Amino acid sequence: MAAEYAVLLARGKKVSEIVPDQRKINNG
């Protein structure tokens, strides 16, 4: 899944387009 997301982002997709469930975590 990480490889698929990385390649999609590399090809110009946005995170909001490739991650259907928009859960969030605060990383500071």
mmCIF file of all heavy atoms, coordinates in Angstrom:
data_MODEL
# 
_entry.id   MODEL 
# 
loop_
_atom_site.group_PDB 
_atom_site.id 
_atom_site.type_symbol 
_atom_site.label_atom_id 
_atom_site.label_alt_id 
_atom_site.label_comp_id 
_atom_site.label_asym_id 
_atom_site.label_entity_id 
_atom_site.label_seq_id 
_atom_site.pdbx_PDB_ins_code 
_atom_site.Cartn_x 
_atom_site.Cartn_y 
_atom_site.Cartn_z 
_atom_site.occupancy 
_atom_site.B_iso_or_equiv 
_atom_site.pdbx_formal_charge 
_atom_site.auth_seq_id 
_atom_site.auth_comp_id 
_atom_site.auth_asym_id 
_atom_site.auth_atom_id 
_atom_site.pdbx_PDB_model_num 
ATOM 1   N N   . MET A 1 1  ? 0.833   -1.208 0.000   1.00 0.00 ? 1  MET A N   1 
ATOM 2   C CA  . MET A 1 1  ? 0.000   0.000  0.000   1.00 0.00 ? 1  MET A CA  1 
ATOM 3   C C   . MET A 1 1  ? 0.864   1.253  0.000   1.00 0.00 ? 1  MET A C   1 
ATOM 4   O O   . MET A 1 1  ? 0.578   2.224  -0.728  1.00 0.00 ? 1  MET A O   1 
ATOM 5   C CB  . MET A 1 1  ? -0.914  -0.022 1.218   1.00 0.00 ? 1  MET A CB  1 
ATOM 6   C CG  . MET A 1 1  ? -1.971  1.070  1.211   1.00 0.00 ? 1  MET A CG  1 
ATOM 7   S SD  . MET A 1 1  ? -3.096  0.946  2.641   1.00 0.00 ? 1  MET A SD  1 
ATOM 8   C CE  . MET A 1 1  ? -3.993  -0.536 2.217   1.00 0.00 ? 1  MET A CE  1 
ATOM 9   N N   . ALA A 1 2  ? 1.937   1.242  0.786   1.00 0.00 ? 2  ALA A N   1 
ATOM 10  C CA  . ALA A 1 2  ? 2.843   2.396  0.824   1.00 0.00 ? 2  ALA A CA  1 
ATOM 11  C C   . ALA A 1 2  ? 3.473   2.626  -0.542  1.00 0.00 ? 2  ALA A C   1 
ATOM 12  O O   . ALA A 1 2  ? 3.618   3.773  -0.996  1.00 0.00 ? 2  ALA A O   1 
ATOM 13  C CB  . ALA A 1 2  ? 3.921   2.186  1.879   1.00 0.00 ? 2  ALA A CB  1 
ATOM 14  N N   . ALA A 1 3  ? 3.849   1.545  -1.222  1.00 0.00 ? 3  ALA A N   1 
ATOM 15  C CA  . ALA A 1 3  ? 4.442   1.666  -2.568  1.00 0.00 ? 3  ALA A CA  1 
ATOM 16  C C   . ALA A 1 3  ? 3.423   2.240  -3.548  1.00 0.00 ? 3  ALA A C   1 
ATOM 17  O O   . ALA A 1 3  ? 3.747   3.116  -4.358  1.00 0.00 ? 3  ALA A O   1 
ATOM 18  C CB  . ALA A 1 3  ? 4.927   0.302  -3.046  1.00 0.00 ? 3  ALA A CB  1 
ATOM 19  N N   . GLU A 1 4  ? 2.193   1.757  -3.478  1.00 0.00 ? 4  GLU A N   1 
ATOM 20  C CA  . GLU A 1 4  ? 1.140   2.255  -4.374  1.00 0.00 ? 4  GLU A CA  1 
ATOM 21  C C   . GLU A 1 4  ? 0.895   3.744  -4.144  1.00 0.00 ? 4  GLU A C   1 
ATOM 22  O O   . GLU A 1 4  ? 0.791   4.527  -5.099  1.00 0.00 ? 4  GLU A O   1 
ATOM 23  C CB  . GLU A 1 4  ? -0.152  1.469  -4.148  1.00 0.00 ? 4  GLU A CB  1 
ATOM 24  C CG  . GLU A 1 4  ? -0.095  0.039  -4.675  1.00 0.00 ? 4  GLU A CG  1 
ATOM 25  C CD  . GLU A 1 4  ? -1.289  -0.791 -4.239  1.00 0.00 ? 4  GLU A CD  1 
ATOM 26  O OE1 . GLU A 1 4  ? -2.172  -0.257 -3.533  1.00 0.00 ? 4  GLU A OE1 1 
ATOM 27  O OE2 . GLU A 1 4  ? -1.326  -1.989 -4.601  1.00 0.00 ? 4  GLU A OE2 1 
ATOM 28  N N   . TYR A 1 5  ? 0.793   4.155  -2.868  1.00 0.00 ? 5  TYR A N   1 
ATOM 29  C CA  . TYR A 1 5  ? 0.564   5.565  -2.555  1.00 0.00 ? 5  TYR A CA  1 
ATOM 30  C C   . TYR A 1 5  ? 1.738   6.426  -3.018  1.00 0.00 ? 5  TYR A C   1 
ATOM 31  O O   . TYR A 1 5  ? 1.549   7.529  -3.549  1.00 0.00 ? 5  TYR A O   1 
ATOM 32  C CB  . TYR A 1 5  ? 0.350   5.746  -1.053  1.00 0.00 ? 5  TYR A CB  1 
ATOM 33  C CG  . TYR A 1 5  ? -0.981  5.246  -0.546  1.00 0.00 ? 5  TYR A CG  1 
ATOM 34  C CD1 . TYR A 1 5  ? -1.213  5.075  0.813   1.00 0.00 ? 5  TYR A CD1 1 
ATOM 35  C CD2 . TYR A 1 5  ? -2.024  4.932  -1.412  1.00 0.00 ? 5  TYR A CD2 1 
ATOM 36  C CE1 . TYR A 1 5  ? -2.429  4.613  1.294   1.00 0.00 ? 5  TYR A CE1 1 
ATOM 37  C CE2 . TYR A 1 5  ? -3.234  4.477  -0.948  1.00 0.00 ? 5  TYR A CE2 1 
ATOM 38  C CZ  . TYR A 1 5  ? -3.440  4.311  0.408   1.00 0.00 ? 5  TYR A CZ  1 
ATOM 39  O OH  . TYR A 1 5  ? -4.643  3.861  0.880   1.00 0.00 ? 5  TYR A OH  1 
ATOM 40  N N   . ALA A 1 6  ? 2.956   5.925  -2.818  1.00 0.00 ? 6  ALA A N   1 
ATOM 41  C CA  . ALA A 1 6  ? 4.146   6.681  -3.212  1.00 0.00 ? 6  ALA A CA  1 
ATOM 42  C C   . ALA A 1 6  ? 4.159   6.916  -4.718  1.00 0.00 ? 6  ALA A C   1 
ATOM 43  O O   . ALA A 1 6  ? 4.439   8.030  -5.184  1.00 0.00 ? 6  ALA A O   1 
ATOM 44  C CB  . ALA A 1 6  ? 5.410   5.940  -2.779  1.00 0.00 ? 6  ALA A CB  1 
ATOM 45  N N   . VAL A 1 7  ? 3.851   5.882  -5.491  1.00 0.00 ? 7  VAL A N   1 
ATOM 46  C CA  . VAL A 1 7  ? 3.865   6.008  -6.954  1.00 0.00 ? 7  VAL A CA  1 
ATOM 47  C C   . VAL A 1 7  ? 2.746   6.933  -7.427  1.00 0.00 ? 7  VAL A C   1 
ATOM 48  O O   . VAL A 1 7  ? 2.940   7.755  -8.334  1.00 0.00 ? 7  VAL A O   1 
ATOM 49  C CB  . VAL A 1 7  ? 3.770   4.620  -7.616  1.00 0.00 ? 7  VAL A CB  1 
ATOM 50  C CG1 . VAL A 1 7  ? 3.598   4.748  -9.128  1.00 0.00 ? 7  VAL A CG1 1 
ATOM 51  C CG2 . VAL A 1 7  ? 5.018   3.787  -7.303  1.00 0.00 ? 7  VAL A CG2 1 
ATOM 52  N N   . LEU A 1 8  ? 1.581   6.826  -6.814  1.00 0.00 ? 8  LEU A N   1 
ATOM 53  C CA  . LEU A 1 8  ? 0.466   7.714  -7.191  1.00 0.00 ? 8  LEU A CA  1 
ATOM 54  C C   . LEU A 1 8  ? 0.813   9.176  -6.899  1.00 0.00 ? 8  LEU A C   1 
ATOM 55  O O   . LEU A 1 8  ? 0.545   10.063 -7.717  1.00 0.00 ? 8  LEU A O   1 
ATOM 56  C CB  . LEU A 1 8  ? -0.802  7.317  -6.442  1.00 0.00 ? 8  LEU A CB  1 
ATOM 57  C CG  . LEU A 1 8  ? -1.498  6.044  -6.930  1.00 0.00 ? 8  LEU A CG  1 
ATOM 58  C CD1 . LEU A 1 8  ? -2.597  5.616  -5.960  1.00 0.00 ? 8  LEU A CD1 1 
ATOM 59  C CD2 . LEU A 1 8  ? -2.086  6.253  -8.331  1.00 0.00 ? 8  LEU A CD2 1 
ATOM 60  N N   . LEU A 1 9  ? 1.419   9.434  -5.737  1.00 0.00 ? 9  LEU A N   1 
ATOM 61  C CA  . LEU A 1 9  ? 1.836   10.805 -5.415  1.00 0.00 ? 9  LEU A CA  1 
ATOM 62  C C   . LEU A 1 9  ? 2.899   11.285 -6.393  1.00 0.00 ? 9  LEU A C   1 
ATOM 63  O O   . LEU A 1 9  ? 2.891   12.449 -6.823  1.00 0.00 ? 9  LEU A O   1 
ATOM 64  C CB  . LEU A 1 9  ? 2.369   10.878 -3.984  1.00 0.00 ? 9  LEU A CB  1 
ATOM 65  C CG  . LEU A 1 9  ? 1.343   10.750 -2.857  1.00 0.00 ? 9  LEU A CG  1 
ATOM 66  C CD1 . LEU A 1 9  ? 2.044   10.660 -1.499  1.00 0.00 ? 9  LEU A CD1 1 
ATOM 67  C CD2 . LEU A 1 9  ? 0.374   11.919 -2.858  1.00 0.00 ? 9  LEU A CD2 1 
ATOM 68  N N   . ALA A 1 10 ? 3.807   10.395 -6.765  1.00 0.00 ? 10 ALA A N   1 
ATOM 69  C CA  . ALA A 1 10 ? 4.863   10.746 -7.723  1.00 0.00 ? 10 ALA A CA  1 
ATOM 70  C C   . ALA A 1 10 ? 4.281   11.097 -9.077  1.00 0.00 ? 10 ALA A C   1 
ATOM 71  O O   . ALA A 1 10 ? 4.859   11.889 -9.823  1.00 0.00 ? 10 ALA A O   1 
ATOM 72  C CB  . ALA A 1 10 ? 5.847   9.589  -7.859  1.00 0.00 ? 10 ALA A CB  1 
ATOM 73  N N   . ARG A 1 11 ? 3.149   10.514 -9.413  1.00 0.00 ? 11 ARG A N   1 
ATOM 74  C CA  . ARG A 1 11 ? 2.504   10.780 -10.697 1.00 0.00 ? 11 ARG A CA  1 
ATOM 75  C C   . ARG A 1 11 ? 1.495   11.923 -10.634 1.00 0.00 ? 11 ARG A C   1 
ATOM 76  O O   . ARG A 1 11 ? 0.708   12.114 -11.549 1.00 0.00 ? 11 ARG A O   1 
ATOM 77  C CB  . ARG A 1 11 ? 1.836   9.502  -11.204 1.00 0.00 ? 11 ARG A CB  1 
ATOM 78  C CG  . ARG A 1 11 ? 2.879   8.461  -11.650 1.00 0.00 ? 11 ARG A CG  1 
ATOM 79  C CD  . ARG A 1 11 ? 2.264   7.249  -12.283 1.00 0.00 ? 11 ARG A CD  1 
ATOM 80  N NE  . ARG A 1 11 ? 3.313   6.445  -12.909 1.00 0.00 ? 11 ARG A NE  1 
ATOM 81  C CZ  . ARG A 1 11 ? 3.429   5.119  -12.793 1.00 0.00 ? 11 ARG A CZ  1 
ATOM 82  N NH1 . ARG A 1 11 ? 2.548   4.441  -12.086 1.00 0.00 ? 11 ARG A NH1 1 
ATOM 83  N NH2 . ARG A 1 11 ? 4.420   4.480  -13.388 1.00 0.00 ? 11 ARG A NH2 1 
ATOM 84  N N   . GLY A 1 12 ? 1.531   12.686 -9.538  1.00 0.00 ? 12 GLY A N   1 
ATOM 85  C CA  . GLY A 1 12 ? 0.752   13.915 -9.473  1.00 0.00 ? 12 GLY A CA  1 
ATOM 86  C C   . GLY A 1 12 ? -0.557  13.844 -8.723  1.00 0.00 ? 12 GLY A C   1 
ATOM 87  O O   . GLY A 1 12 ? -1.267  14.855 -8.620  1.00 0.00 ? 12 GLY A O   1 
ATOM 88  N N   . LYS A 1 13 ? -0.911  12.690 -8.186  1.00 0.00 ? 13 LYS A N   1 
ATOM 89  C CA  . LYS A 1 13 ? -2.146  12.592 -7.412  1.00 0.00 ? 13 LYS A CA  1 
ATOM 90  C C   . LYS A 1 13 ? -1.977  13.293 -6.059  1.00 0.00 ? 13 LYS A C   1 
ATOM 91  O O   . LYS A 1 13 ? -0.876  13.384 -5.516  1.00 0.00 ? 13 LYS A O   1 
ATOM 92  C CB  . LYS A 1 13 ? -2.513  11.132 -7.169  1.00 0.00 ? 13 LYS A CB  1 
ATOM 93  C CG  . LYS A 1 13 ? -2.944  10.384 -8.427  1.00 0.00 ? 13 LYS A CG  1 
ATOM 94  C CD  . LYS A 1 13 ? -4.335  10.809 -8.870  1.00 0.00 ? 13 LYS A CD  1 
ATOM 95  C CE  . LYS A 1 13 ? -4.831  9.965  -10.036 1.00 0.00 ? 13 LYS A CE  1 
ATOM 96  N NZ  . LYS A 1 13 ? -6.174  10.376 -10.474 1.00 0.00 ? 13 LYS A NZ  1 
ATOM 97  N N   . LYS A 1 14 ? -3.106  13.759 -5.508  1.00 0.00 ? 14 LYS A N   1 
ATOM 98  C CA  . LYS A 1 14 ? -3.087  14.370 -4.181  1.00 0.00 ? 14 LYS A CA  1 
ATOM 99  C C   . LYS A 1 14 ? -3.451  13.324 -3.133  1.00 0.00 ? 14 LYS A C   1 
ATOM 100 O O   . LYS A 1 14 ? -4.138  12.344 -3.428  1.00 0.00 ? 14 LYS A O   1 
ATOM 101 C CB  . LYS A 1 14 ? -4.083  15.530 -4.123  1.00 0.00 ? 14 LYS A CB  1 
ATOM 102 C CG  . LYS A 1 14 ? -3.727  16.679 -5.058  1.00 0.00 ? 14 LYS A CG  1 
ATOM 103 C CD  . LYS A 1 14 ? -4.781  17.772 -4.966  1.00 0.00 ? 14 LYS A CD  1 
ATOM 104 C CE  . LYS A 1 14 ? -4.437  18.930 -5.904  1.00 0.00 ? 14 LYS A CE  1 
ATOM 105 N NZ  . LYS A 1 14 ? -5.487  19.981 -5.883  1.00 0.00 ? 14 LYS A NZ  1 
ATOM 106 N N   . VAL A 1 15 ? -2.996  13.557 -1.898  1.00 0.00 ? 15 VAL A N   1 
ATOM 107 C CA  . VAL A 1 15 ? -3.306  12.618 -0.815  1.00 0.00 ? 15 VAL A CA  1 
ATOM 108 C C   . VAL A 1 15 ? -4.810  12.450 -0.668  1.00 0.00 ? 15 VAL A C   1 
ATOM 109 O O   . VAL A 1 15 ? -5.317  11.346 -0.467  1.00 0.00 ? 15 VAL A O   1 
ATOM 110 C CB  . VAL A 1 15 ? -2.683  13.100 0.517   1.00 0.00 ? 15 VAL A CB  1 
ATOM 111 C CG1 . VAL A 1 15 ? -3.177  12.247 1.680   1.00 0.00 ? 15 VAL A CG1 1 
ATOM 112 C CG2 . VAL A 1 15 ? -1.158  13.051 0.446   1.00 0.00 ? 15 VAL A CG2 1 
ATOM 113 N N   . SER A 1 16 ? -5.557  13.549 -0.787  1.00 0.00 ? 16 SER A N   1 
ATOM 114 C CA  . SER A 1 16 ? -7.020  13.495 -0.647  1.00 0.00 ? 16 SER A CA  1 
ATOM 115 C C   . SER A 1 16 ? -7.675  12.629 -1.712  1.00 0.00 ? 16 SER A C   1 
ATOM 116 O O   . SER A 1 16 ? -8.776  12.126 -1.519  1.00 0.00 ? 16 SER A O   1 
ATOM 117 C CB  . SER A 1 16 ? -7.606  14.908 -0.699  1.00 0.00 ? 16 SER A CB  1 
ATOM 118 O OG  . SER A 1 16 ? -7.260  15.538 -1.930  1.00 0.00 ? 16 SER A OG  1 
ATOM 119 N N   . GLU A 1 17 ? -6.988  12.443 -2.839  1.00 0.00 ? 17 GLU A N   1 
ATOM 120 C CA  . GLU A 1 17 ? -7.526  11.611 -3.916  1.00 0.00 ? 17 GLU A CA  1 
ATOM 121 C C   . GLU A 1 17 ? -7.234  10.128 -3.721  1.00 0.00 ? 17 GLU A C   1 
ATOM 122 O O   . GLU A 1 17 ? -7.992  9.277  -4.185  1.00 0.00 ? 17 GLU A O   1 
ATOM 123 C CB  . GLU A 1 17 ? -6.942  12.050 -5.265  1.00 0.00 ? 17 GLU A CB  1 
ATOM 124 C CG  . GLU A 1 17 ? -7.334  13.450 -5.691  1.00 0.00 ? 17 GLU A CG  1 
ATOM 125 C CD  . GLU A 1 17 ? -6.658  13.858 -6.992  1.00 0.00 ? 17 GLU A CD  1 
ATOM 126 O OE1 . GLU A 1 17 ? -5.412  14.009 -6.994  1.00 0.00 ? 17 GLU A OE1 1 
ATOM 127 O OE2 . GLU A 1 17 ? -7.370  14.012 -7.995  1.00 0.00 ? 17 GLU A OE2 1 
ATOM 128 N N   . ILE A 1 18 ? -6.149  9.817  -3.021  1.00 0.00 ? 18 ILE A N   1 
ATOM 129 C CA  . ILE A 1 18 ? -5.750  8.411  -2.922  1.00 0.00 ? 18 ILE A CA  1 
ATOM 130 C C   . ILE A 1 18 ? -6.107  7.771  -1.584  1.00 0.00 ? 18 ILE A C   1 
ATOM 131 O O   . ILE A 1 18 ? -6.080  6.548  -1.455  1.00 0.00 ? 18 ILE A O   1 
ATOM 132 C CB  . ILE A 1 18 ? -4.241  8.234  -3.176  1.00 0.00 ? 18 ILE A CB  1 
ATOM 133 C CG1 . ILE A 1 18 ? -3.407  8.927  -2.101  1.00 0.00 ? 18 ILE A CG1 1 
ATOM 134 C CG2 . ILE A 1 18 ? -3.858  8.747  -4.551  1.00 0.00 ? 18 ILE A CG2 1 
ATOM 135 C CD1 . ILE A 1 18 ? -1.914  8.693  -2.233  1.00 0.00 ? 18 ILE A CD1 1 
ATOM 136 N N   . VAL A 1 19 ? -6.430  8.594  -0.578  1.00 0.00 ? 19 VAL A N   1 
ATOM 137 C CA  . VAL A 1 19 ? -6.818  8.054  0.730   1.00 0.00 ? 19 VAL A CA  1 
ATOM 138 C C   . VAL A 1 19 ? -8.296  8.348  0.956   1.00 0.00 ? 19 VAL A C   1 
ATOM 139 O O   . VAL A 1 19 ? -8.665  9.481  1.278   1.00 0.00 ? 19 VAL A O   1 
ATOM 140 C CB  . VAL A 1 19 ? -5.973  8.671  1.864   1.00 0.00 ? 19 VAL A CB  1 
ATOM 141 C CG1 . VAL A 1 19 ? -6.375  8.083  3.210   1.00 0.00 ? 19 VAL A CG1 1 
ATOM 142 C CG2 . VAL A 1 19 ? -4.494  8.454  1.604   1.00 0.00 ? 19 VAL A CG2 1 
ATOM 143 N N   . PRO A 1 20 ? -9.143  7.344  0.781   1.00 0.00 ? 20 PRO A N   1 
ATOM 144 C CA  . PRO A 1 20 ? -10.584 7.573  0.865   1.00 0.00 ? 20 PRO A CA  1 
ATOM 145 C C   . PRO A 1 20 ? -11.063 7.946  2.266   1.00 0.00 ? 20 PRO A C   1 
ATOM 146 O O   . PRO A 1 20 ? -11.935 8.784  2.433   1.00 0.00 ? 20 PRO A O   1 
ATOM 147 C CB  . PRO A 1 20 ? -11.188 6.227  0.430   1.00 0.00 ? 20 PRO A CB  1 
ATOM 148 C CG  . PRO A 1 20 ? -10.107 5.222  0.679   1.00 0.00 ? 20 PRO A CG  1 
ATOM 149 C CD  . PRO A 1 20 ? -8.815  5.949  0.467   1.00 0.00 ? 20 PRO A CD  1 
ATOM 150 N N   . ASP A 1 21 ? -10.489 7.320  3.293   1.00 0.00 ? 21 ASP A N   1 
ATOM 151 C CA  . ASP A 1 21 ? -10.894 7.566  4.672   1.00 0.00 ? 21 ASP A CA  1 
ATOM 152 C C   . ASP A 1 21 ? -9.961  8.605  5.276   1.00 0.00 ? 21 ASP A C   1 
ATOM 153 O O   . ASP A 1 21 ? -8.835  8.294  5.649   1.00 0.00 ? 21 ASP A O   1 
ATOM 154 C CB  . ASP A 1 21 ? -10.836 6.256  5.468   1.00 0.00 ? 21 ASP A CB  1 
ATOM 155 C CG  . ASP A 1 21 ? -11.277 6.447  6.914   1.00 0.00 ? 21 ASP A CG  1 
ATOM 156 O OD1 . ASP A 1 21 ? -11.729 7.550  7.252   1.00 0.00 ? 21 ASP A OD1 1 
ATOM 157 O OD2 . ASP A 1 21 ? -11.163 5.491  7.699   1.00 0.00 ? 21 ASP A OD2 1 
ATOM 158 N N   . GLN A 1 22 ? -10.453 9.832  5.363   1.00 0.00 ? 22 GLN A N   1 
ATOM 159 C CA  . GLN A 1 22 ? -9.573  10.926 5.797   1.00 0.00 ? 22 GLN A CA  1 
ATOM 160 C C   . GLN A 1 22 ? -9.459  11.010 7.323   1.00 0.00 ? 22 GLN A C   1 
ATOM 161 O O   . GLN A 1 22 ? -9.861  11.987 7.956   1.00 0.00 ? 22 GLN A O   1 
ATOM 162 C CB  . GLN A 1 22 ? -10.081 12.250 5.230   1.00 0.00 ? 22 GLN A CB  1 
ATOM 163 C CG  . GLN A 1 22 ? -9.760  12.454 3.761   1.00 0.00 ? 22 GLN A CG  1 
ATOM 164 C CD  . GLN A 1 22 ? -8.270  12.655 3.506   1.00 0.00 ? 22 GLN A CD  1 
ATOM 165 O OE1 . GLN A 1 22 ? -7.660  13.573 4.016   1.00 0.00 ? 22 GLN A OE1 1 
ATOM 166 N NE2 . GLN A 1 22 ? -7.681  11.790 2.703   1.00 0.00 ? 22 GLN A NE2 1 
ATOM 167 N N   . ARG A 1 23 ? -8.878  9.967  7.913   1.00 0.00 ? 23 ARG A N   1 
ATOM 168 C CA  . ARG A 1 23 ? -8.557  10.047 9.335   1.00 0.00 ? 23 ARG A CA  1 
ATOM 169 C C   . ARG A 1 23 ? -7.296  10.888 9.496   1.00 0.00 ? 23 ARG A C   1 
ATOM 170 O O   . ARG A 1 23 ? -6.450  10.927 8.598   1.00 0.00 ? 23 ARG A O   1 
ATOM 171 C CB  . ARG A 1 23 ? -8.361  8.644  9.911   1.00 0.00 ? 23 ARG A CB  1 
ATOM 172 C CG  . ARG A 1 23 ? -9.667  7.866  10.031  1.00 0.00 ? 23 ARG A CG  1 
ATOM 173 C CD  . ARG A 1 23 ? -9.468  6.542  10.723  1.00 0.00 ? 23 ARG A CD  1 
ATOM 174 N NE  . ARG A 1 23 ? -8.753  5.588  9.898   1.00 0.00 ? 23 ARG A NE  1 
ATOM 175 C CZ  . ARG A 1 23 ? -8.442  4.365  10.289  1.00 0.00 ? 23 ARG A CZ  1 
ATOM 176 N NH1 . ARG A 1 23 ? -8.759  3.944  11.506  1.00 0.00 ? 23 ARG A NH1 1 
ATOM 177 N NH2 . ARG A 1 23 ? -7.797  3.535  9.477   1.00 0.00 ? 23 ARG A NH2 1 
ATOM 178 N N   . LYS A 1 24 ? -7.148  11.501 10.658  1.00 0.00 ? 24 LYS A N   1 
ATOM 179 C CA  . LYS A 1 24 ? -6.010  12.394 10.875  1.00 0.00 ? 24 LYS A CA  1 
ATOM 180 C C   . LYS A 1 24 ? -5.346  12.073 12.217  1.00 0.00 ? 24 LYS A C   1 
ATOM 181 O O   . LYS A 1 24 ? -5.972  11.553 13.132  1.00 0.00 ? 24 LYS A O   1 
ATOM 182 C CB  . LYS A 1 24 ? -6.469  13.858 10.886  1.00 0.00 ? 24 LYS A CB  1 
ATOM 183 C CG  . LYS A 1 24 ? -7.132  14.347 9.588   1.00 0.00 ? 24 LYS A CG  1 
ATOM 184 C CD  . LYS A 1 24 ? -6.123  14.600 8.511   1.00 0.00 ? 24 LYS A CD  1 
ATOM 185 C CE  . LYS A 1 24 ? -6.766  15.114 7.227   1.00 0.00 ? 24 LYS A CE  1 
ATOM 186 N NZ  . LYS A 1 24 ? -7.219  16.512 7.346   1.00 0.00 ? 24 LYS A NZ  1 
ATOM 187 N N   . ILE A 1 25 ? -4.053  12.408 12.300  1.00 0.00 ? 25 ILE A N   1 
ATOM 188 C CA  . ILE A 1 25 ? -3.323  12.327 13.553  1.00 0.00 ? 25 ILE A CA  1 
ATOM 189 C C   . ILE A 1 25 ? -2.465  13.585 13.672  1.00 0.00 ? 25 ILE A C   1 
ATOM 190 O O   . ILE A 1 25 ? -1.891  14.054 12.684  1.00 0.00 ? 25 ILE A O   1 
ATOM 191 C CB  . ILE A 1 25 ? -2.451  11.042 13.613  1.00 0.00 ? 25 ILE A CB  1 
ATOM 192 C CG1 . ILE A 1 25 ? -1.829  10.882 15.003  1.00 0.00 ? 25 ILE A CG1 1 
ATOM 193 C CG2 . ILE A 1 25 ? -1.369  11.047 12.533  1.00 0.00 ? 25 ILE A CG2 1 
ATOM 194 C CD1 . ILE A 1 25 ? -1.174  9.525  15.222  1.00 0.00 ? 25 ILE A CD1 1 
ATOM 195 N N   . ASN A 1 26 ? -2.412  14.141 14.866  1.00 0.00 ? 26 ASN A N   1 
ATOM 196 C CA  . ASN A 1 26 ? -1.619  15.348 15.082  1.00 0.00 ? 26 ASN A CA  1 
ATOM 197 C C   . ASN A 1 26 ? -0.181  14.938 15.389  1.00 0.00 ? 26 ASN A C   1 
ATOM 198 O O   . ASN A 1 26 ? 0.082   14.231 16.364  1.00 0.00 ? 26 ASN A O   1 
ATOM 199 C CB  . ASN A 1 26 ? -2.196  16.166 16.245  1.00 0.00 ? 26 ASN A CB  1 
ATOM 200 C CG  . ASN A 1 26 ? -1.578  17.556 16.316  1.00 0.00 ? 26 ASN A CG  1 
ATOM 201 O OD1 . ASN A 1 26 ? -0.365  17.706 16.358  1.00 0.00 ? 26 ASN A OD1 1 
ATOM 202 N ND2 . ASN A 1 26 ? -2.420  18.569 16.313  1.00 0.00 ? 26 ASN A ND2 1 
ATOM 203 N N   . ASN A 1 27 ? 0.745   15.396 14.561  1.00 0.00 ? 27 ASN A N   1 
ATOM 204 C CA  . ASN A 1 27 ? 2.161   15.027 14.767  1.00 0.00 ? 27 ASN A CA  1 
ATOM 205 C C   . ASN A 1 27 ? 2.974   16.179 15.349  1.00 0.00 ? 27 ASN A C   1 
ATOM 206 O O   . ASN A 1 27 ? 4.209   16.166 15.303  1.00 0.00 ? 27 ASN A O   1 
ATOM 207 C CB  . ASN A 1 27 ? 2.788   14.554 13.445  1.00 0.00 ? 27 ASN A CB  1 
ATOM 208 C CG  . ASN A 1 27 ? 3.131   15.697 12.505  1.00 0.00 ? 27 ASN A CG  1 
ATOM 209 O OD1 . ASN A 1 27 ? 2.514   16.763 12.558  1.00 0.00 ? 27 ASN A OD1 1 
ATOM 210 N ND2 . ASN A 1 27 ? 4.117   15.489 11.637  1.00 0.00 ? 27 ASN A ND2 1 
ATOM 211 N N   . GLY A 1 28 ? 2.261   17.179 15.901  1.00 0.00 ? 28 GLY A N   1 
ATOM 212 C CA  . GLY A 1 28 ? 2.960   18.322 16.491  1.00 0.00 ? 28 GLY A CA  1 
ATOM 213 C C   . GLY A 1 28 ? 3.195   19.438 15.499  1.00 0.00 ? 28 GLY A C   1 
ATOM 214 O O   . GLY A 1 28 ? 3.513   20.562 15.887  1.00 0.00 ? 28 GLY A O   1 
# 
